[in-house]
């Protein structure tokens, strides 16, 4: 079955950095757009960044210039490098796999990893 396993979350001081990883299994990784979402307490889940199999990226304005998404298709892994973290970045971060076409599969989600940036 499909599994997305996130790692790399934690507690950092404001201005610090973290790198999240999401290892995928059970899918043909090159058929999927990979994305990072986040959800803060009391707020809706929001898209942080996404990356196509060809490594075209789309990054939310709120994190542009601070966060970088990348992927290693040989390892079926997507990364989110987060620099200059701010308290407002505190949230649970989720990895998602979205098929290029519905006939190729279905959307899957990881369990989430907590990121806390303290002021």
C-alpha atoms as a PDB file:
ATOM      1  CA  UNK A   1       0.000   0.000   0.000  1.00  0.00           C
ATOM      2  CA  UNK A   2       0.979   3.647  -0.311  1.00  0.00           C
ATOM      3  CA  UNK A   3       3.059   5.038   2.530  1.00  0.00           C
ATOM      4  CA  UNK A   4       4.375   8.560   3.011  1.00  0.00           C
ATOM      5  CA  UNK A   5       6.673   8.908   6.006  1.00  0.00           C
ATOM      6  CA  UNK A   6       7.685  12.394   7.096  1.00  0.00           C
ATOM      7  CA  UNK A   7      10.661  13.199   9.297  1.00  0.00           C
ATOM      8  CA  UNK A   8      12.764  16.164  10.323  1.00  0.00           C
ATOM      9  CA  UNK A   9      10.315  18.234  12.318  1.00  0.00           C
ATOM     10  CA  UNK A  10      11.168  19.714  15.688  1.00  0.00           C
ATOM     11  CA  UNK A  11      11.543  22.778  17.846  1.00  0.00           C
ATOM     12  CA  UNK A  12      13.812  25.608  16.757  1.00  0.00           C
ATOM     13  CA  UNK A  13      14.273  29.216  17.694  1.00  0.00           C
ATOM     14  CA  UNK A  14      13.007  31.874  15.339  1.00  0.00           C
ATOM     15  CA  UNK A  15      15.556  32.395  12.586  1.00  0.00           C
ATOM     16  CA  UNK A  16      16.589  28.767  12.651  1.00  0.00           C
ATOM     17  CA  UNK A  17      16.391  26.107   9.959  1.00  0.00           C
ATOM     18  CA  UNK A  18      14.973  22.643   9.499  1.00  0.00           C
ATOM     19  CA  UNK A  19      14.810  20.172   6.636  1.00  0.00           C
ATOM     20  CA  UNK A  20      11.768  17.951   6.326  1.00  0.00           C
ATOM     21  CA  UNK A  21      11.890  14.697   4.400  1.00  0.00           C
ATOM     22  CA  UNK A  22       9.071  12.556   3.067  1.00  0.00           C
ATOM     23  CA  UNK A  23       9.880   9.058   1.860  1.00  0.00           C
ATOM     24  CA  UNK A  24       7.280   7.480  -0.414  1.00  0.00           C
ATOM     25  CA  UNK A  25       6.667   3.800  -1.020  1.00  0.00           C
ATOM     26  CA  UNK A  26       3.989   1.844  -2.865  1.00  0.00           C
ATOM     27  CA  UNK A  27       3.785   4.353  -5.730  1.00  0.00           C
ATOM     28  CA  UNK A  28       5.628   5.047  -8.969  1.00  0.00           C
ATOM     29  CA  UNK A  29       7.164   8.257  -7.678  1.00  0.00           C
ATOM     30  CA  UNK A  30       7.684   9.795 -11.121  1.00  0.00           C
ATOM     31  CA  UNK A  31       3.908   9.735 -11.735  1.00  0.00           C
ATOM     32  CA  UNK A  32       3.204  12.033  -8.805  1.00  0.00           C
ATOM     33  CA  UNK A  33       3.322  15.697  -7.959  1.00  0.00           C
ATOM     34  CA  UNK A  34       4.624  15.935  -4.402  1.00  0.00           C
ATOM     35  CA  UNK A  35       3.501  18.665  -2.058  1.00  0.00           C
ATOM     36  CA  UNK A  36       3.916  19.981   1.460  1.00  0.00           C
ATOM     37  CA  UNK A  37       0.936  21.393   3.327  1.00  0.00           C
ATOM     38  CA  UNK A  38       0.705  22.748   6.840  1.00  0.00           C
ATOM     39  CA  UNK A  39      -2.015  23.223   9.390  1.00  0.00           C
ATOM     40  CA  UNK A  40      -1.734  25.472  12.417  1.00  0.00           C
ATOM     41  CA  UNK A  41      -4.096  25.125  15.398  1.00  0.00           C
ATOM     42  CA  UNK A  42      -7.494  26.580  14.582  1.00  0.00           C
ATOM     43  CA  UNK A  43      -6.594  27.223  10.945  1.00  0.00           C
ATOM     44  CA  UNK A  44      -7.287  25.502   7.656  1.00  0.00           C
ATOM     45  CA  UNK A  45      -4.695  23.340   5.988  1.00  0.00           C
ATOM     46  CA  UNK A  46      -2.729  25.354   3.442  1.00  0.00           C
ATOM     47  CA  UNK A  47      -0.384  24.547   0.597  1.00  0.00           C
ATOM     48  CA  UNK A  48       3.241  25.400   1.319  1.00  0.00           C
ATOM     49  CA  UNK A  49       4.947  24.139  -1.833  1.00  0.00           C
ATOM     50  CA  UNK A  50       4.614  21.561  -4.590  1.00  0.00           C
ATOM     51  CA  UNK A  51       6.999  20.035  -7.090  1.00  0.00           C
ATOM     52  CA  UNK A  52       6.330  18.164 -10.321  1.00  0.00           C
ATOM     53  CA  UNK A  53       8.213  15.041 -11.437  1.00  0.00           C
ATOM     54  CA  UNK A  54      10.307  17.311 -13.639  1.00  0.00           C
ATOM     55  CA  UNK A  55      11.097  19.535 -10.615  1.00  0.00           C
ATOM     56  CA  UNK A  56       8.990  22.551 -11.533  1.00  0.00           C
ATOM     57  CA  UNK A  57       8.004  24.195  -8.266  1.00  0.00           C
ATOM     58  CA  UNK A  58       5.263  26.337  -6.839  1.00  0.00           C
ATOM     59  CA  UNK A  59       5.816  28.006  -3.465  1.00  0.00           C
ATOM     60  CA  UNK A  60       3.370  29.943  -1.294  1.00  0.00           C
ATOM     61  CA  UNK A  61       4.010  33.674  -1.079  1.00  0.00           C
ATOM     62  CA  UNK A  62       4.223  33.469   2.712  1.00  0.00           C
ATOM     63  CA  UNK A  63       7.352  31.288   2.547  1.00  0.00           C
ATOM     64  CA  UNK A  64       8.868  32.343  -0.769  1.00  0.00           C
ATOM     65  CA  UNK A  65      12.571  33.068  -0.419  1.00  0.00           C
ATOM     66  CA  UNK A  66      12.783  31.098   2.841  1.00  0.00           C
ATOM     67  CA  UNK A  67      11.538  27.606   1.962  1.00  0.00           C
ATOM     68  CA  UNK A  68      12.781  25.380  -0.863  1.00  0.00           C
ATOM     69  CA  UNK A  69      11.147  22.201  -2.075  1.00  0.00           C
ATOM     70  CA  UNK A  70      13.157  19.544  -3.888  1.00  0.00           C
ATOM     71  CA  UNK A  71      12.862  15.879  -4.769  1.00  0.00           C
ATOM     72  CA  UNK A  72      15.123  12.928  -5.419  1.00  0.00           C
ATOM     73  CA  UNK A  73      13.285  10.609  -7.791  1.00  0.00           C
ATOM     74  CA  UNK A  74      15.932   7.892  -7.315  1.00  0.00           C
ATOM     75  CA  UNK A  75      15.097   7.801  -3.588  1.00  0.00           C
ATOM     76  CA  UNK A  76      11.349   8.474  -3.914  1.00  0.00           C
ATOM     77  CA  UNK A  77      11.821  11.292  -1.445  1.00  0.00           C
ATOM     78  CA  UNK A  78      10.717  14.915  -1.328  1.00  0.00           C
ATOM     79  CA  UNK A  79      12.333  17.538   0.878  1.00  0.00           C
ATOM     80  CA  UNK A  80      11.384  20.900   2.311  1.00  0.00           C
ATOM     81  CA  UNK A  81      14.263  23.081   3.379  1.00  0.00           C
ATOM     82  CA  UNK A  82      13.016  25.772   5.757  1.00  0.00           C
ATOM     83  CA  UNK A  83      15.258  28.721   6.575  1.00  0.00           C
ATOM     84  CA  UNK A  84      14.643  31.789   8.713  1.00  0.00           C
ATOM     85  CA  UNK A  85      11.735  30.141  10.473  1.00  0.00           C
ATOM     86  CA  UNK A  86       9.187  32.433  12.086  1.00  0.00           C
ATOM     87  CA  UNK A  87       6.719  31.741  14.894  1.00  0.00           C
ATOM     88  CA  UNK A  88       3.911  31.907  12.316  1.00  0.00           C
ATOM     89  CA  UNK A  89       5.458  28.898  10.546  1.00  0.00           C
ATOM     90  CA  UNK A  90       4.547  26.761  13.560  1.00  0.00           C
ATOM     91  CA  UNK A  91       2.230  24.012  12.345  1.00  0.00           C
ATOM     92  CA  UNK A  92       1.927  20.341  11.570  1.00  0.00           C
ATOM     93  CA  UNK A  93       3.462  19.774   8.156  1.00  0.00           C
ATOM     94  CA  UNK A  94       2.000  17.116   5.890  1.00  0.00           C
ATOM     95  CA  UNK A  95       3.424  15.495   2.800  1.00  0.00           C
ATOM     96  CA  UNK A  96       1.025  14.683  -0.046  1.00  0.00           C
ATOM     97  CA  UNK A  97       1.360  12.658  -3.240  1.00  0.00           C
ATOM     98  CA  UNK A  98      -0.950  13.748  -6.068  1.00  0.00           C
ATOM     99  CA  UNK A  99      -1.101  11.659  -9.270  1.00  0.00           C
ATOM    100  CA  UNK A 100      -0.585  13.394 -12.612  1.00  0.00           C
ATOM    101  CA  UNK A 101      -3.797  11.741 -13.781  1.00  0.00           C
ATOM    102  CA  UNK A 102      -6.590   9.977 -11.859  1.00  0.00           C
ATOM    103  CA  UNK A 103      -5.937   6.827 -13.865  1.00  0.00           C
ATOM    104  CA  UNK A 104      -2.415   6.686 -12.401  1.00  0.00           C
ATOM    105  CA  UNK A 105      -3.509   6.498  -8.779  1.00  0.00           C
ATOM    106  CA  UNK A 106      -5.054   8.503  -5.986  1.00  0.00           C
ATOM    107  CA  UNK A 107      -4.002  11.223  -3.582  1.00  0.00           C
ATOM    108  CA  UNK A 108      -2.217  10.073  -0.434  1.00  0.00           C
ATOM    109  CA  UNK A 109      -1.135  11.854   2.744  1.00  0.00           C
ATOM    110  CA  UNK A 110       1.497  11.343   5.381  1.00  0.00           C
ATOM    111  CA  UNK A 111       0.829  11.406   9.099  1.00  0.00           C
ATOM    112  CA  UNK A 112       2.360  14.845   9.631  1.00  0.00           C
ATOM    113  CA  UNK A 113       5.342  16.186  11.520  1.00  0.00           C
ATOM    114  CA  UNK A 114       5.288  19.040  14.026  1.00  0.00           C
ATOM    115  CA  UNK A 115       7.371  22.147  13.381  1.00  0.00           C
ATOM    116  CA  UNK A 116       7.601  24.730  16.145  1.00  0.00           C
ATOM    117  CA  UNK A 117       9.514  27.996  15.823  1.00  0.00           C
ATOM    118  CA  UNK A 118       9.758  29.770  19.164  1.00  0.00           C
ATOM    119  CA  UNK A 119      10.154  33.520  19.518  1.00  0.00           C
END
